[in-house]
């Protein structure tokens, strides 16, 4: 029996620590984007280094986009791409499953 390569691809991304939570976090941000400091504040268990690495990784997968507004000071924010937003329904289903079965 073969494992579906598409399912394997999705778990390659979402199965890594923090990836799913970061995508979910960005999906529920009121303005659709967040600054690094906001994510660090609201996801307190992740180290700044890990957060930085995960944001880069999710960007490489095409799930998030880094927006830079030049000026003084430079403003950097992160938001989901269309590909990242398309994961919202899947993450909501996982959340519903966890609500039902987590002890």
C-alpha atoms as a PDB file:
ATOM      1  CA  UNK A   1       0.000   0.000   0.000  1.00  0.00           C
ATOM      2  CA  UNK A   2       1.278   3.469  -0.875  1.00  0.00           C
ATOM      3  CA  UNK A   3       0.876   6.574   1.218  1.00  0.00           C
ATOM      4  CA  UNK A   4      -0.755   9.443  -0.646  1.00  0.00           C
ATOM      5  CA  UNK A   5       2.024  11.906  -1.597  1.00  0.00           C
ATOM      6  CA  UNK A   6      -0.345  14.858  -1.090  1.00  0.00           C
ATOM      7  CA  UNK A   7      -1.115  13.822   2.466  1.00  0.00           C
ATOM      8  CA  UNK A   8       2.578  13.267   3.052  1.00  0.00           C
ATOM      9  CA  UNK A   9       3.288  16.793   1.731  1.00  0.00           C
ATOM     10  CA  UNK A  10       0.704  18.348   4.049  1.00  0.00           C
ATOM     11  CA  UNK A  11       2.123  16.554   7.096  1.00  0.00           C
ATOM     12  CA  UNK A  12       5.635  17.541   6.048  1.00  0.00           C
ATOM     13  CA  UNK A  13       4.530  21.137   6.579  1.00  0.00           C
ATOM     14  CA  UNK A  14       1.933  20.970   9.344  1.00  0.00           C
ATOM     15  CA  UNK A  15       3.592  18.155  11.267  1.00  0.00           C
ATOM     16  CA  UNK A  16       6.519  20.365  12.222  1.00  0.00           C
ATOM     17  CA  UNK A  17       6.299  22.035  15.599  1.00  0.00           C
ATOM     18  CA  UNK A  18       4.758  25.522  15.511  1.00  0.00           C
ATOM     19  CA  UNK A  19       3.904  25.595  11.797  1.00  0.00           C
ATOM     20  CA  UNK A  20       0.199  24.887  12.188  1.00  0.00           C
ATOM     21  CA  UNK A  21      -0.138  27.235  15.160  1.00  0.00           C
ATOM     22  CA  UNK A  22       1.554  30.096  13.327  1.00  0.00           C
ATOM     23  CA  UNK A  23      -0.699  29.632  10.289  1.00  0.00           C
ATOM     24  CA  UNK A  24      -3.745  29.465  12.575  1.00  0.00           C
ATOM     25  CA  UNK A  25      -2.599  32.534  14.499  1.00  0.00           C
ATOM     26  CA  UNK A  26      -2.234  34.578  11.319  1.00  0.00           C
ATOM     27  CA  UNK A  27      -5.638  33.368  10.115  1.00  0.00           C
ATOM     28  CA  UNK A  28      -7.372  34.786  13.207  1.00  0.00           C
ATOM     29  CA  UNK A  29      -5.500  38.107  13.373  1.00  0.00           C
ATOM     30  CA  UNK A  30      -8.053  40.922  13.172  1.00  0.00           C
ATOM     31  CA  UNK A  31      -6.247  42.835  10.411  1.00  0.00           C
ATOM     32  CA  UNK A  32      -4.946  39.725   8.650  1.00  0.00           C
ATOM     33  CA  UNK A  33      -1.327  40.348   9.539  1.00  0.00           C
ATOM     34  CA  UNK A  34       0.923  40.446  12.577  1.00  0.00           C
ATOM     35  CA  UNK A  35       4.283  41.802  13.619  1.00  0.00           C
ATOM     36  CA  UNK A  36       7.016  39.560  15.013  1.00  0.00           C
ATOM     37  CA  UNK A  37       6.626  41.079  18.486  1.00  0.00           C
ATOM     38  CA  UNK A  38       2.875  40.351  18.498  1.00  0.00           C
ATOM     39  CA  UNK A  39       3.433  36.726  17.589  1.00  0.00           C
ATOM     40  CA  UNK A  40       6.149  36.385  20.216  1.00  0.00           C
ATOM     41  CA  UNK A  41       3.811  37.868  22.823  1.00  0.00           C
ATOM     42  CA  UNK A  42       0.826  35.711  21.874  1.00  0.00           C
ATOM     43  CA  UNK A  43       2.807  32.484  21.333  1.00  0.00           C
ATOM     44  CA  UNK A  44       4.954  32.738  24.482  1.00  0.00           C
ATOM     45  CA  UNK A  45       6.378  29.208  24.425  1.00  0.00           C
ATOM     46  CA  UNK A  46       8.238  29.707  21.147  1.00  0.00           C
ATOM     47  CA  UNK A  47      11.714  31.197  21.299  1.00  0.00           C
ATOM     48  CA  UNK A  48      12.491  34.231  19.133  1.00  0.00           C
ATOM     49  CA  UNK A  49      14.992  32.168  17.145  1.00  0.00           C
ATOM     50  CA  UNK A  50      12.486  29.383  16.505  1.00  0.00           C
ATOM     51  CA  UNK A  51       9.815  31.890  15.509  1.00  0.00           C
ATOM     52  CA  UNK A  52      12.193  33.534  13.066  1.00  0.00           C
ATOM     53  CA  UNK A  53      13.166  30.172  11.553  1.00  0.00           C
ATOM     54  CA  UNK A  54       9.541  29.048  11.285  1.00  0.00           C
ATOM     55  CA  UNK A  55       8.464  32.286   9.595  1.00  0.00           C
ATOM     56  CA  UNK A  56      11.245  31.828   7.057  1.00  0.00           C
ATOM     57  CA  UNK A  57      10.289  28.184   6.517  1.00  0.00           C
ATOM     58  CA  UNK A  58       6.585  28.976   6.069  1.00  0.00           C
ATOM     59  CA  UNK A  59       7.577  31.697   3.616  1.00  0.00           C
ATOM     60  CA  UNK A  60       9.607  29.159   1.634  1.00  0.00           C
ATOM     61  CA  UNK A  61       6.535  26.897   1.485  1.00  0.00           C
ATOM     62  CA  UNK A  62       4.586  29.851   0.116  1.00  0.00           C
ATOM     63  CA  UNK A  63       2.185  29.984   3.079  1.00  0.00           C
ATOM     64  CA  UNK A  64       3.119  33.388   4.465  1.00  0.00           C
ATOM     65  CA  UNK A  65       4.461  36.603   3.064  1.00  0.00           C
ATOM     66  CA  UNK A  66       6.734  39.085   4.756  1.00  0.00           C
ATOM     67  CA  UNK A  67       5.693  42.699   4.143  1.00  0.00           C
ATOM     68  CA  UNK A  68       8.247  45.456   4.615  1.00  0.00           C
ATOM     69  CA  UNK A  69       7.170  49.107   4.765  1.00  0.00           C
ATOM     70  CA  UNK A  70      10.168  51.370   4.482  1.00  0.00           C
ATOM     71  CA  UNK A  71      10.355  54.506   6.526  1.00  0.00           C
ATOM     72  CA  UNK A  72      11.427  55.434   9.953  1.00  0.00           C
ATOM     73  CA  UNK A  73      11.040  53.016  11.587  1.00  0.00           C
ATOM     74  CA  UNK A  74      10.874  50.158   9.095  1.00  0.00           C
ATOM     75  CA  UNK A  75       7.676  48.182   9.689  1.00  0.00           C
ATOM     76  CA  UNK A  76       7.695  44.430   9.065  1.00  0.00           C
ATOM     77  CA  UNK A  77       4.577  42.306   9.191  1.00  0.00           C
ATOM     78  CA  UNK A  78       3.617  38.787   8.191  1.00  0.00           C
ATOM     79  CA  UNK A  79       0.416  37.644   6.537  1.00  0.00           C
ATOM     80  CA  UNK A  80      -0.960  34.508   4.963  1.00  0.00           C
ATOM     81  CA  UNK A  81      -0.801  34.072   1.223  1.00  0.00           C
ATOM     82  CA  UNK A  82      -3.752  32.647  -0.674  1.00  0.00           C
ATOM     83  CA  UNK A  83      -2.132  29.226  -0.277  1.00  0.00           C
ATOM     84  CA  UNK A  84      -1.831  29.789   3.487  1.00  0.00           C
ATOM     85  CA  UNK A  85      -5.433  31.006   3.797  1.00  0.00           C
ATOM     86  CA  UNK A  86      -6.592  27.860   2.033  1.00  0.00           C
ATOM     87  CA  UNK A  87      -5.435  25.857   5.083  1.00  0.00           C
ATOM     88  CA  UNK A  88      -7.908  27.619   7.389  1.00  0.00           C
ATOM     89  CA  UNK A  89     -10.729  25.102   6.889  1.00  0.00           C
ATOM     90  CA  UNK A  90      -8.394  22.149   7.485  1.00  0.00           C
ATOM     91  CA  UNK A  91      -7.053  23.700  10.683  1.00  0.00           C
ATOM     92  CA  UNK A  92     -10.581  24.439  11.899  1.00  0.00           C
ATOM     93  CA  UNK A  93     -11.494  20.777  11.336  1.00  0.00           C
ATOM     94  CA  UNK A  94      -8.440  19.684  13.333  1.00  0.00           C
ATOM     95  CA  UNK A  95      -9.428  22.110  16.096  1.00  0.00           C
ATOM     96  CA  UNK A  96     -12.986  20.687  16.222  1.00  0.00           C
ATOM     97  CA  UNK A  97     -11.583  17.168  16.393  1.00  0.00           C
ATOM     98  CA  UNK A  98      -9.299  18.146  19.287  1.00  0.00           C
ATOM     99  CA  UNK A  99     -12.168  19.822  21.157  1.00  0.00           C
ATOM    100  CA  UNK A 100     -14.141  16.605  20.914  1.00  0.00           C
ATOM    101  CA  UNK A 101     -11.422  14.111  21.785  1.00  0.00           C
ATOM    102  CA  UNK A 102      -8.823  15.867  23.956  1.00  0.00           C
ATOM    103  CA  UNK A 103      -9.092  14.652  27.548  1.00  0.00           C
END
